[in-house]
């Protein structure tokens, strides 16, 4: 394998209305989550569907599109990359989070 890539593609439903922030230097960021489904067979032979939640971050032009057109419940396709980062919570404890940085979004359904 000569080229290794960090690429994520997800199709899911938006869990809440995106949070939009206007930052310095005319930058904009959108934060929201989407749910995807995973189906498996448990030990009893029953089919189980489980929702998996993914944190999405989008910047600038992509954030503007999300601000205008994306709401809770919409089905979307996301193309992006995984990014891990750390932050301090309110109790000054270091936390780690993995997010999908969205490069492209496609609005699906109605």
PDB file of N, CA and C in Angstrom:
ATOM      1  N   UNK A   1       0.854  -1.170   0.000  1.00  0.00           N
ATOM      2  CA  UNK A   1       0.000   0.000   0.000  1.00  0.00           C
ATOM      3  C   UNK A   1       0.898   1.230   0.000  1.00  0.00           C
ATOM      4  N   UNK A   2       0.913   1.955  -1.088  1.00  0.00           N
ATOM      5  CA  UNK A   2       1.814   3.102  -1.181  1.00  0.00           C
ATOM      6  C   UNK A   2       1.224   4.384  -0.615  1.00  0.00           C
ATOM      7  N   UNK A   3      -0.100   4.492  -0.599  1.00  0.00           N
ATOM      8  CA  UNK A   3      -0.725   5.712  -0.105  1.00  0.00           C
ATOM      9  C   UNK A   3      -1.675   5.368   1.038  1.00  0.00           C
ATOM     10  N   UNK A   4      -1.377   5.868   2.209  1.00  0.00           N
ATOM     11  CA  UNK A   4      -2.258   5.687   3.361  1.00  0.00           C
ATOM     12  C   UNK A   4      -3.095   6.943   3.514  1.00  0.00           C
ATOM     13  N   UNK A   5      -4.378   6.761   3.811  1.00  0.00           N
ATOM     14  CA  UNK A   5      -5.285   7.908   3.885  1.00  0.00           C
ATOM     15  C   UNK A   5      -6.108   7.878   5.156  1.00  0.00           C
ATOM     16  N   UNK A   6      -6.452   9.046   5.601  1.00  0.00           N
ATOM     17  CA  UNK A   6      -7.377   9.231   6.705  1.00  0.00           C
ATOM     18  C   UNK A   6      -8.655   9.765   6.080  1.00  0.00           C
ATOM     19  N   UNK A   7      -9.605   8.868   5.802  1.00  0.00           N
ATOM     20  CA  UNK A   7     -10.844   9.269   5.138  1.00  0.00           C
ATOM     21  C   UNK A   7     -12.017   8.533   5.767  1.00  0.00           C
ATOM     22  N   UNK A   8     -13.088   9.271   6.012  1.00  0.00           N
ATOM     23  CA  UNK A   8     -14.292   8.722   6.620  1.00  0.00           C
ATOM     24  C   UNK A   8     -15.487   9.107   5.763  1.00  0.00           C
ATOM     25  N   UNK A   9     -16.368   8.146   5.520  1.00  0.00           N
ATOM     26  CA  UNK A   9     -17.631   8.414   4.842  1.00  0.00           C
ATOM     27  C   UNK A   9     -18.743   7.837   5.705  1.00  0.00           C
ATOM     28  N   UNK A  10     -19.723   8.672   6.034  1.00  0.00           N
ATOM     29  CA  UNK A  10     -20.836   8.263   6.877  1.00  0.00           C
ATOM     30  C   UNK A  10     -22.148   8.711   6.250  1.00  0.00           C
ATOM     31  N   UNK A  11     -23.180   7.900   6.407  1.00  0.00           N
ATOM     32  CA  UNK A  11     -24.545   8.301   6.073  1.00  0.00           C
ATOM     33  C   UNK A  11     -25.361   8.080   7.335  1.00  0.00           C
ATOM     34  N   UNK A  12     -26.028   9.143   7.784  1.00  0.00           N
ATOM     35  CA  UNK A  12     -26.802   9.026   9.012  1.00  0.00           C
ATOM     36  C   UNK A  12     -27.770  10.174   9.179  1.00  0.00           C
ATOM     37  N   UNK A  13     -28.451  10.166  10.320  1.00  0.00           N
ATOM     38  CA  UNK A  13     -29.435  11.196  10.640  1.00  0.00           C
ATOM     39  C   UNK A  13     -28.868  12.164  11.672  1.00  0.00           C
ATOM     40  N   UNK A  14     -29.114  13.447  11.447  1.00  0.00           N
ATOM     41  CA  UNK A  14     -28.624  14.504  12.337  1.00  0.00           C
ATOM     42  C   UNK A  14     -29.366  14.417  13.669  1.00  0.00           C
ATOM     43  N   UNK A  15     -28.606  14.419  14.774  1.00  0.00           N
ATOM     44  CA  UNK A  15     -29.182  14.231  16.100  1.00  0.00           C
ATOM     45  C   UNK A  15     -29.747  15.482  16.739  1.00  0.00           C
ATOM     46  N   UNK A  16     -29.210  16.649  16.407  1.00  0.00           N
ATOM     47  CA  UNK A  16     -29.709  17.919  16.939  1.00  0.00           C
ATOM     48  C   UNK A  16     -29.366  19.017  15.938  1.00  0.00           C
ATOM     49  N   UNK A  17     -30.054  20.140  16.048  1.00  0.00           N
ATOM     50  CA  UNK A  17     -29.716  21.253  15.162  1.00  0.00           C
ATOM     51  C   UNK A  17     -28.252  21.625  15.358  1.00  0.00           C
ATOM     52  N   UNK A  18     -27.535  21.886  14.277  1.00  0.00           N
ATOM     53  CA  UNK A  18     -26.115  22.226  14.395  1.00  0.00           C
ATOM     54  C   UNK A  18     -25.892  23.485  15.237  1.00  0.00           C
ATOM     55  N   UNK A  19     -24.799  23.481  15.983  1.00  0.00           N
ATOM     56  CA  UNK A  19     -24.364  24.660  16.730  1.00  0.00           C
ATOM     57  C   UNK A  19     -23.376  25.407  15.841  1.00  0.00           C
ATOM     58  N   UNK A  20     -23.692  26.658  15.534  1.00  0.00           N
ATOM     59  CA  UNK A  20     -22.872  27.470  14.633  1.00  0.00           C
ATOM     60  C   UNK A  20     -22.179  28.559  15.447  1.00  0.00           C
ATOM     61  N   UNK A  21     -20.876  28.716  15.213  1.00  0.00           N
ATOM     62  CA  UNK A  21     -20.122  29.789  15.875  1.00  0.00           C
ATOM     63  C   UNK A  21     -19.388  30.597  14.821  1.00  0.00           C
ATOM     64  N   UNK A  22     -19.452  31.922  14.967  1.00  0.00           N
ATOM     65  CA  UNK A  22     -18.674  32.831  14.133  1.00  0.00           C
ATOM     66  C   UNK A  22     -17.417  33.205  14.905  1.00  0.00           C
ATOM     67  N   UNK A  23     -16.276  32.919  14.328  1.00  0.00           N
ATOM     68  CA  UNK A  23     -14.993  33.143  14.986  1.00  0.00           C
ATOM     69  C   UNK A  23     -14.286  34.350  14.384  1.00  0.00           C
ATOM     70  N   UNK A  24     -13.117  34.656  14.931  1.00  0.00           N
ATOM     71  CA  UNK A  24     -12.313  35.760  14.403  1.00  0.00           C
ATOM     72  C   UNK A  24     -11.908  35.483  12.959  1.00  0.00           C
ATOM     73  N   UNK A  25     -11.526  36.540  12.262  1.00  0.00           N
ATOM     74  CA  UNK A  25     -11.061  36.452  10.870  1.00  0.00           C
ATOM     75  C   UNK A  25     -12.111  35.871   9.927  1.00  0.00           C
ATOM     76  N   UNK A  26     -13.395  36.127  10.221  1.00  0.00           N
ATOM     77  CA  UNK A  26     -14.507  35.665   9.387  1.00  0.00           C
ATOM     78  C   UNK A  26     -14.567  34.154   9.230  1.00  0.00           C
ATOM     79  N   UNK A  27     -14.093  33.419  10.221  1.00  0.00           N
ATOM     80  CA  UNK A  27     -14.185  31.960  10.186  1.00  0.00           C
ATOM     81  C   UNK A  27     -15.477  31.531  10.852  1.00  0.00           C
ATOM     82  N   UNK A  28     -16.030  30.418  10.358  1.00  0.00           N
ATOM     83  CA  UNK A  28     -17.270  29.880  10.899  1.00  0.00           C
ATOM     84  C   UNK A  28     -17.067  28.395  11.145  1.00  0.00           C
ATOM     85  N   UNK A  29     -17.651  27.883  12.242  1.00  0.00           N
ATOM     86  CA  UNK A  29     -17.569  26.453  12.544  1.00  0.00           C
ATOM     87  C   UNK A  29     -18.963  25.935  12.895  1.00  0.00           C
ATOM     88  N   UNK A  30     -19.268  24.739  12.418  1.00  0.00           N
ATOM     89  CA  UNK A  30     -20.527  24.061  12.734  1.00  0.00           C
ATOM     90  C   UNK A  30     -20.197  22.767  13.469  1.00  0.00           C
ATOM     91  N   UNK A  31     -20.903  22.513  14.562  1.00  0.00           N
ATOM     92  CA  UNK A  31     -20.749  21.275  15.330  1.00  0.00           C
ATOM     93  C   UNK A  31     -22.108  20.601  15.448  1.00  0.00           C
ATOM     94  N   UNK A  32     -22.146  19.303  15.174  1.00  0.00           N
ATOM     95  CA  UNK A  32     -23.372  18.531  15.335  1.00  0.00           C
ATOM     96  C   UNK A  32     -23.008  17.056  15.390  1.00  0.00           C
ATOM     97  N   UNK A  33     -23.989  16.216  15.624  1.00  0.00           N
ATOM     98  CA  UNK A  33     -23.732  14.777  15.637  1.00  0.00           C
ATOM     99  C   UNK A  33     -24.698  14.086  14.689  1.00  0.00           C
ATOM    100  N   UNK A  34     -24.261  12.939  14.179  1.00  0.00           N
ATOM    101  CA  UNK A  34     -25.153  12.117  13.372  1.00  0.00           C
ATOM    102  C   UNK A  34     -25.150  10.701  13.936  1.00  0.00           C
ATOM    103  N   UNK A  35     -26.260  10.010  13.725  1.00  0.00           N
ATOM    104  CA  UNK A  35     -26.391   8.619  14.158  1.00  0.00           C
ATOM    105  C   UNK A  35     -26.348   7.711  12.943  1.00  0.00           C
ATOM    106  N   UNK A  36     -25.558   6.652  13.053  1.00  0.00           N
ATOM    107  CA  UNK A  36     -25.573   5.575  12.069  1.00  0.00           C
ATOM    108  C   UNK A  36     -26.036   4.321  12.802  1.00  0.00           C
ATOM    109  N   UNK A  37     -26.494   3.333  12.065  1.00  0.00           N
ATOM    110  CA  UNK A  37     -26.964   2.094  12.677  1.00  0.00           C
ATOM    111  C   UNK A  37     -26.007   0.950  12.415  1.00  0.00           C
ATOM    112  N   UNK A  38     -25.836   0.126  13.427  1.00  0.00           N
ATOM    113  CA  UNK A  38     -25.058  -1.106  13.309  1.00  0.00           C
ATOM    114  C   UNK A  38     -25.988  -2.250  13.684  1.00  0.00           C
ATOM    115  N   UNK A  39     -26.087  -3.250  12.826  1.00  0.00           N
ATOM    116  CA  UNK A  39     -26.943  -4.400  13.091  1.00  0.00           C
ATOM    117  C   UNK A  39     -26.075  -5.641  13.258  1.00  0.00           C
ATOM    118  N   UNK A  40     -26.392  -6.420  14.283  1.00  0.00           N
ATOM    119  CA  UNK A  40     -25.634  -7.646  14.543  1.00  0.00           C
ATOM    120  C   UNK A  40     -26.567  -8.689  15.154  1.00  0.00           C
ATOM    121  N   UNK A  41     -26.089  -9.918  15.237  1.00  0.00           N
ATOM    122  CA  UNK A  41     -26.834 -11.004  15.862  1.00  0.00           C
ATOM    123  C   UNK A  41     -26.226 -11.267  17.236  1.00  0.00           C
ATOM    124  N   UNK A  42     -27.073 -11.238  18.276  1.00  0.00           N
ATOM    125  CA  UNK A  42     -26.567 -11.450  19.636  1.00  0.00           C
ATOM    126  C   UNK A  42     -26.423 -12.945  19.933  1.00  0.00           C
ATOM    127  N   UNK A  43     -26.038 -13.270  21.165  1.00  0.00           N
ATOM    128  CA  UNK A  43     -25.804 -14.663  21.567  1.00  0.00           C
ATOM    129  C   UNK A  43     -27.055 -15.530  21.479  1.00  0.00           C
ATOM    130  N   UNK A  44     -28.240 -14.909  21.543  1.00  0.00           N
ATOM    131  CA  UNK A  44     -29.499 -15.650  21.475  1.00  0.00           C
ATOM    132  C   UNK A  44     -29.990 -15.813  20.045  1.00  0.00           C
ATOM    133  N   UNK A  45     -29.223 -15.319  19.075  1.00  0.00           N
ATOM    134  CA  UNK A  45     -29.613 -15.422  17.673  1.00  0.00           C
ATOM    135  C   UNK A  45     -30.570 -14.332  17.221  1.00  0.00           C
ATOM    136  N   UNK A  46     -30.780 -13.332  18.050  1.00  0.00           N
ATOM    137  CA  UNK A  46     -31.686 -12.232  17.720  1.00  0.00           C
ATOM    138  C   UNK A  46     -30.932 -11.124  16.996  1.00  0.00           C
ATOM    139  N   UNK A  47     -31.596 -10.519  16.014  1.00  0.00           N
ATOM    140  CA  UNK A  47     -31.011  -9.372  15.308  1.00  0.00           C
ATOM    141  C   UNK A  47     -31.203  -8.133  16.175  1.00  0.00           C
ATOM    142  N   UNK A  48     -30.123  -7.410  16.404  1.00  0.00           N
ATOM    143  CA  UNK A  48     -30.144  -6.210  17.239  1.00  0.00           C
ATOM    144  C   UNK A  48     -29.597  -5.045  16.424  1.00  0.00           C
ATOM    145  N   UNK A  49     -30.290  -3.912  16.478  1.00  0.00           N
ATOM    146  CA  UNK A  49     -29.813  -2.697  15.821  1.00  0.00           C
ATOM    147  C   UNK A  49     -29.427  -1.695  16.898  1.00  0.00           C
ATOM    148  N   UNK A  50     -28.225  -1.168  16.754  1.00  0.00           N
ATOM    149  CA  UNK A  50     -27.679  -0.236  17.742  1.00  0.00           C
ATOM    150  C   UNK A  50     -27.301   1.061  17.037  1.00  0.00           C
ATOM    151  N   UNK A  51     -27.650   2.199  17.639  1.00  0.00           N
ATOM    152  CA  UNK A  51     -27.268   3.506  17.082  1.00  0.00           C
ATOM    153  C   UNK A  51     -25.860   3.862  17.548  1.00  0.00           C
ATOM    154  N   UNK A  52     -25.038   4.318  16.614  1.00  0.00           N
ATOM    155  CA  UNK A  52     -23.697   4.809  16.918  1.00  0.00           C
ATOM    156  C   UNK A  52     -23.679   6.302  16.621  1.00  0.00           C
ATOM    157  N   UNK A  53     -23.177   7.109  17.560  1.00  0.00           N
ATOM    158  CA  UNK A  53     -23.157   8.563  17.400  1.00  0.00           C
ATOM    159  C   UNK A  53     -21.769   9.045  17.024  1.00  0.00           C
ATOM    160  N   UNK A  54     -21.718   9.974  16.077  1.00  0.00           N
ATOM    161  CA  UNK A  54     -20.463  10.522  15.564  1.00  0.00           C
ATOM    162  C   UNK A  54     -20.508  12.045  15.672  1.00  0.00           C
ATOM    163  N   UNK A  55     -19.479  12.641  16.276  1.00  0.00           N
ATOM    164  CA  UNK A  55     -19.371  14.098  16.371  1.00  0.00           C
ATOM    165  C   UNK A  55     -18.773  14.637  15.078  1.00  0.00           C
ATOM    166  N   UNK A  56     -19.437  15.630  14.500  1.00  0.00           N
ATOM    167  CA  UNK A  56     -19.030  16.210  13.221  1.00  0.00           C
ATOM    168  C   UNK A  56     -18.655  17.675  13.430  1.00  0.00           C
ATOM    169  N   UNK A  57     -17.561  18.098  12.796  1.00  0.00           N
ATOM    170  CA  UNK A  57     -17.116  19.492  12.814  1.00  0.00           C
ATOM    171  C   UNK A  57     -16.911  19.928  11.371  1.00  0.00           C
ATOM    172  N   UNK A  58     -17.443  21.090  11.016  1.00  0.00           N
ATOM    173  CA  UNK A  58     -17.261  21.626   9.660  1.00  0.00           C
ATOM    174  C   UNK A  58     -16.862  23.091   9.755  1.00  0.00           C
ATOM    175  N   UNK A  59     -16.045  23.522   8.814  1.00  0.00           N
ATOM    176  CA  UNK A  59     -15.500  24.876   8.834  1.00  0.00           C
ATOM    177  C   UNK A  59     -15.922  25.671   7.604  1.00  0.00           C
ATOM    178  N   UNK A  60     -16.036  26.981   7.776  1.00  0.00           N
ATOM    179  CA  UNK A  60     -16.158  27.988   6.728  1.00  0.00           C
ATOM    180  C   UNK A  60     -17.281  27.704   5.738  1.00  0.00           C
ATOM    181  N   UNK A  61     -16.996  27.487   4.452  1.00  0.00           N
ATOM    182  CA  UNK A  61     -18.055  27.321   3.438  1.00  0.00           C
ATOM    183  C   UNK A  61     -18.954  26.132   3.759  1.00  0.00           C
ATOM    184  N   UNK A  62     -18.346  25.038   4.205  1.00  0.00           N
ATOM    185  CA  UNK A  62     -19.151  23.860   4.558  1.00  0.00           C
ATOM    186  C   UNK A  62     -20.047  24.184   5.751  1.00  0.00           C
ATOM    187  N   UNK A  63     -19.532  24.929   6.722  1.00  0.00           N
ATOM    188  CA  UNK A  63     -20.330  25.343   7.879  1.00  0.00           C
ATOM    189  C   UNK A  63     -21.488  26.247   7.454  1.00  0.00           C
ATOM    190  N   UNK A  64     -21.268  27.099   6.463  1.00  0.00           N
ATOM    191  CA  UNK A  64     -22.336  27.969   5.955  1.00  0.00           C
ATOM    192  C   UNK A  64     -23.460  27.144   5.332  1.00  0.00           C
ATOM    193  N   UNK A  65     -23.109  26.122   4.576  1.00  0.00           N
ATOM    194  CA  UNK A  65     -24.117  25.238   3.973  1.00  0.00           C
ATOM    195  C   UNK A  65     -24.905  24.527   5.072  1.00  0.00           C
ATOM    196  N   UNK A  66     -24.200  24.038   6.069  1.00  0.00           N
ATOM    197  CA  UNK A  66     -24.850  23.346   7.183  1.00  0.00           C
ATOM    198  C   UNK A  66     -25.784  24.290   7.925  1.00  0.00           C
ATOM    199  N   UNK A  67     -25.350  25.524   8.155  1.00  0.00           N
ATOM    200  CA  UNK A  67     -26.183  26.513   8.847  1.00  0.00           C
ATOM    201  C   UNK A  67     -27.496  26.740   8.103  1.00  0.00           C
ATOM    202  N   UNK A  68     -27.449  26.786   6.777  1.00  0.00           N
ATOM    203  CA  UNK A  68     -28.640  27.079   5.973  1.00  0.00           C
ATOM    204  C   UNK A  68     -29.578  25.884   5.809  1.00  0.00           C
ATOM    205  N   UNK A  69     -29.031  24.675   5.687  1.00  0.00           N
ATOM    206  CA  UNK A  69     -29.841  23.557   5.202  1.00  0.00           C
ATOM    207  C   UNK A  69     -29.967  22.353   6.136  1.00  0.00           C
ATOM    208  N   UNK A  70     -29.178  22.278   7.185  1.00  0.00           N
ATOM    209  CA  UNK A  70     -29.174  21.062   8.009  1.00  0.00           C
ATOM    210  C   UNK A  70     -29.918  21.312   9.321  1.00  0.00           C
ATOM    211  N   UNK A  71     -30.856  20.413   9.622  1.00  0.00           N
ATOM    212  CA  UNK A  71     -31.586  20.459  10.886  1.00  0.00           C
ATOM    213  C   UNK A  71     -31.673  19.049  11.465  1.00  0.00           C
ATOM    214  N   UNK A  72     -32.079  18.997  12.722  1.00  0.00           N
ATOM    215  CA  UNK A  72     -32.285  17.727  13.411  1.00  0.00           C
ATOM    216  C   UNK A  72     -33.186  16.820  12.573  1.00  0.00           C
ATOM    217  N   UNK A  73     -32.798  15.558  12.456  1.00  0.00           N
ATOM    218  CA  UNK A  73     -33.604  14.570  11.748  1.00  0.00           C
ATOM    219  C   UNK A  73     -33.264  14.394  10.283  1.00  0.00           C
ATOM    220  N   UNK A  74     -32.556  15.357   9.675  1.00  0.00           N
ATOM    221  CA  UNK A  74     -32.184  15.258   8.256  1.00  0.00           C
ATOM    222  C   UNK A  74     -31.201  14.118   8.038  1.00  0.00           C
ATOM    223  N   UNK A  75     -31.361  13.419   6.923  1.00  0.00           N
ATOM    224  CA  UNK A  75     -30.393  12.397   6.535  1.00  0.00           C
ATOM    225  C   UNK A  75     -29.311  13.061   5.693  1.00  0.00           C
ATOM    226  N   UNK A  76     -28.050  12.815   6.057  1.00  0.00           N
ATOM    227  CA  UNK A  76     -26.922  13.431   5.366  1.00  0.00           C
ATOM    228  C   UNK A  76     -25.837  12.391   5.093  1.00  0.00           C
ATOM    229  N   UNK A  77     -25.040  12.674   4.073  1.00  0.00           N
ATOM    230  CA  UNK A  77     -23.825  11.906   3.804  1.00  0.00           C
ATOM    231  C   UNK A  77     -22.653  12.834   4.089  1.00  0.00           C
ATOM    232  N   UNK A  78     -21.697  12.343   4.841  1.00  0.00           N
ATOM    233  CA  UNK A  78     -20.527  13.118   5.255  1.00  0.00           C
ATOM    234  C   UNK A  78     -19.275  12.484   4.669  1.00  0.00           C
ATOM    235  N   UNK A  79     -18.393  13.309   4.125  1.00  0.00           N
ATOM    236  CA  UNK A  79     -17.072  12.861   3.701  1.00  0.00           C
ATOM    237  C   UNK A  79     -16.070  13.715   4.462  1.00  0.00           C
ATOM    238  N   UNK A  80     -15.133  13.081   5.137  1.00  0.00           N
ATOM    239  CA  UNK A  80     -14.176  13.848   5.922  1.00  0.00           C
ATOM    240  C   UNK A  80     -13.031  13.001   6.423  1.00  0.00           C
ATOM    241  N   UNK A  81     -12.443  13.447   7.537  1.00  0.00           N
ATOM    242  CA  UNK A  81     -11.315  12.726   8.131  1.00  0.00           C
ATOM    243  C   UNK A  81     -11.470  12.693   9.648  1.00  0.00           C
ATOM    244  N   UNK A  82     -10.868  11.687  10.286  1.00  0.00           N
ATOM    245  CA  UNK A  82     -10.883  11.578  11.738  1.00  0.00           C
ATOM    246  C   UNK A  82      -9.793  12.447  12.341  1.00  0.00           C
ATOM    247  N   UNK A  83     -10.158  13.179  13.393  1.00  0.00           N
ATOM    248  CA  UNK A  83      -9.197  14.006  14.122  1.00  0.00           C
ATOM    249  C   UNK A  83      -9.423  13.768  15.613  1.00  0.00           C
ATOM    250  N   UNK A  84      -8.354  13.495  16.335  1.00  0.00           N
ATOM    251  CA  UNK A  84      -8.425  13.338  17.791  1.00  0.00           C
ATOM    252  C   UNK A  84      -7.780  14.552  18.442  1.00  0.00           C
ATOM    253  N   UNK A  85      -8.379  14.990  19.555  1.00  0.00           N
ATOM    254  CA  UNK A  85      -7.823  16.130  20.274  1.00  0.00           C
ATOM    255  C   UNK A  85      -8.136  15.973  21.752  1.00  0.00           C
ATOM    256  N   UNK A  86      -7.500  16.796  22.565  1.00  0.00           N
ATOM    257  CA  UNK A  86      -7.765  16.779  24.003  1.00  0.00           C
ATOM    258  C   UNK A  86      -8.214  18.170  24.442  1.00  0.00           C
ATOM    259  N   UNK A  87      -8.903  18.203  25.577  1.00  0.00           N
ATOM    260  CA  UNK A  87      -9.346  19.467  26.161  1.00  0.00           C
ATOM    261  C   UNK A  87      -9.507  19.273  27.662  1.00  0.00           C
ATOM    262  N   UNK A  88      -9.615  20.373  28.409  1.00  0.00           N
ATOM    263  CA  UNK A  88      -9.864  20.324  29.847  1.00  0.00           C
ATOM    264  C   UNK A  88     -11.340  20.569  30.107  1.00  0.00           C
ATOM    265  N   UNK A  89     -11.954  19.693  30.906  1.00  0.00           N
ATOM    266  CA  UNK A  89     -13.359  19.889  31.244  1.00  0.00           C
ATOM    267  C   UNK A  89     -13.486  20.897  32.390  1.00  0.00           C
ATOM    268  N   UNK A  90     -14.702  21.104  32.873  1.00  0.00           N
ATOM    269  CA  UNK A  90     -14.965  22.101  33.914  1.00  0.00           C
ATOM    270  C   UNK A  90     -14.217  21.802  35.215  1.00  0.00           C
ATOM    271  N   UNK A  91     -13.927  20.523  35.471  1.00  0.00           N
ATOM    272  CA  UNK A  91     -13.190  20.130  36.680  1.00  0.00           C
ATOM    273  C   UNK A  91     -11.686  20.071  36.439  1.00  0.00           C
ATOM    274  N   UNK A  92     -11.231  20.644  35.328  1.00  0.00           N
ATOM    275  CA  UNK A  92      -9.807  20.691  34.956  1.00  0.00           C
ATOM    276  C   UNK A  92      -9.218  19.299  34.670  1.00  0.00           C
ATOM    277  N   UNK A  93     -10.098  18.361  34.316  1.00  0.00           N
ATOM    278  CA  UNK A  93      -9.651  17.016  33.967  1.00  0.00           C
ATOM    279  C   UNK A  93      -9.444  16.939  32.455  1.00  0.00           C
ATOM    280  N   UNK A  94      -8.343  16.333  32.038  1.00  0.00           N
ATOM    281  CA  UNK A  94      -8.040  16.229  30.614  1.00  0.00           C
ATOM    282  C   UNK A  94      -8.932  15.160  29.979  1.00  0.00           C
ATOM    283  N   UNK A  95      -9.605  15.537  28.903  1.00  0.00           N
ATOM    284  CA  UNK A  95     -10.499  14.639  28.169  1.00  0.00           C
ATOM    285  C   UNK A  95     -10.010  14.509  26.738  1.00  0.00           C
ATOM    286  N   UNK A  96     -10.346  13.393  26.135  1.00  0.00           N
ATOM    287  CA  UNK A  96      -9.969  13.138  24.744  1.00  0.00           C
ATOM    288  C   UNK A  96     -11.227  12.897  23.930  1.00  0.00           C
ATOM    289  N   UNK A  97     -11.219  13.375  22.701  1.00  0.00           N
ATOM    290  CA  UNK A  97     -12.378  13.234  21.828  1.00  0.00           C
ATOM    291  C   UNK A  97     -11.897  12.983  20.398  1.00  0.00           C
ATOM    292  N   UNK A  98     -12.658  12.164  19.692  1.00  0.00           N
ATOM    293  CA  UNK A  98     -12.401  11.945  18.269  1.00  0.00           C
ATOM    294  C   UNK A  98     -13.596  12.483  17.500  1.00  0.00           C
ATOM    295  N   UNK A  99     -13.329  13.298  16.495  1.00  0.00           N
ATOM    296  CA  UNK A  99     -14.376  13.931  15.695  1.00  0.00           C
ATOM    297  C   UNK A  99     -14.118  13.662  14.216  1.00  0.00           C
ATOM    298  N   UNK A 100     -15.170  13.807  13.435  1.00  0.00           N
ATOM    299  CA  UNK A 100     -15.035  13.762  11.981  1.00  0.00           C
ATOM    300  C   UNK A 100     -15.030  15.204  11.489  1.00  0.00           C
ATOM    301  N   UNK A 101     -13.936  15.619  10.866  1.00  0.00           N
ATOM    302  CA  UNK A 101     -13.883  16.941  10.248  1.00  0.00           C
ATOM    303  C   UNK A 101     -14.458  16.787   8.848  1.00  0.00           C
ATOM    304  N   UNK A 102     -15.592  17.437   8.627  1.00  0.00           N
ATOM    305  CA  UNK A 102     -16.361  17.294   7.391  1.00  0.00           C
ATOM    306  C   UNK A 102     -15.786  18.178   6.288  1.00  0.00           C
ATOM    307  N   UNK A 103     -15.383  17.548   5.194  1.00  0.00           N
ATOM    308  CA  UNK A 103     -14.921  18.287   4.018  1.00  0.00           C
ATOM    309  C   UNK A 103     -16.050  18.512   3.024  1.00  0.00           C
ATOM    310  N   UNK A 104     -17.015  17.587   3.036  1.00  0.00           N
ATOM    311  CA  UNK A 104     -18.107  17.651   2.069  1.00  0.00           C
ATOM    312  C   UNK A 104     -19.352  17.052   2.708  1.00  0.00           C
ATOM    313  N   UNK A 105     -20.510  17.666   2.432  1.00  0.00           N
ATOM    314  CA  UNK A 105     -21.774  17.152   2.954  1.00  0.00           C
ATOM    315  C   UNK A 105     -22.780  17.078   1.813  1.00  0.00           C
ATOM    316  N   UNK A 106     -23.553  16.008   1.811  1.00  0.00           N
ATOM    317  CA  UNK A 106     -24.600  15.818   0.814  1.00  0.00           C
ATOM    318  C   UNK A 106     -25.907  15.645   1.565  1.00  0.00           C
ATOM    319  N   UNK A 107     -26.907  16.454   1.219  1.00  0.00           N
ATOM    320  CA  UNK A 107     -28.213  16.363   1.861  1.00  0.00           C
ATOM    321  C   UNK A 107     -29.022  15.285   1.158  1.00  0.00           C
ATOM    322  N   UNK A 108     -29.519  14.316   1.913  1.00  0.00           N
ATOM    323  CA  UNK A 108     -30.278  13.203   1.359  1.00  0.00           C
ATOM    324  C   UNK A 108     -31.730  13.301   1.795  1.00  0.00           C
ATOM    325  N   UNK A 109     -32.600  12.590   1.133  1.00  0.00           N
ATOM    326  CA  UNK A 109     -34.005  12.567   1.524  1.00  0.00           C
ATOM    327  C   UNK A 109     -34.654  13.926   1.362  1.00  0.00           C
ATOM    328  N   UNK A 110     -35.757  14.115   2.112  1.00  0.00           N
ATOM    329  CA  UNK A 110     -36.490  15.388   1.994  1.00  0.00           C
ATOM    330  C   UNK A 110     -36.250  16.287   3.171  1.00  0.00           C
TER     331      UNK A 110
END
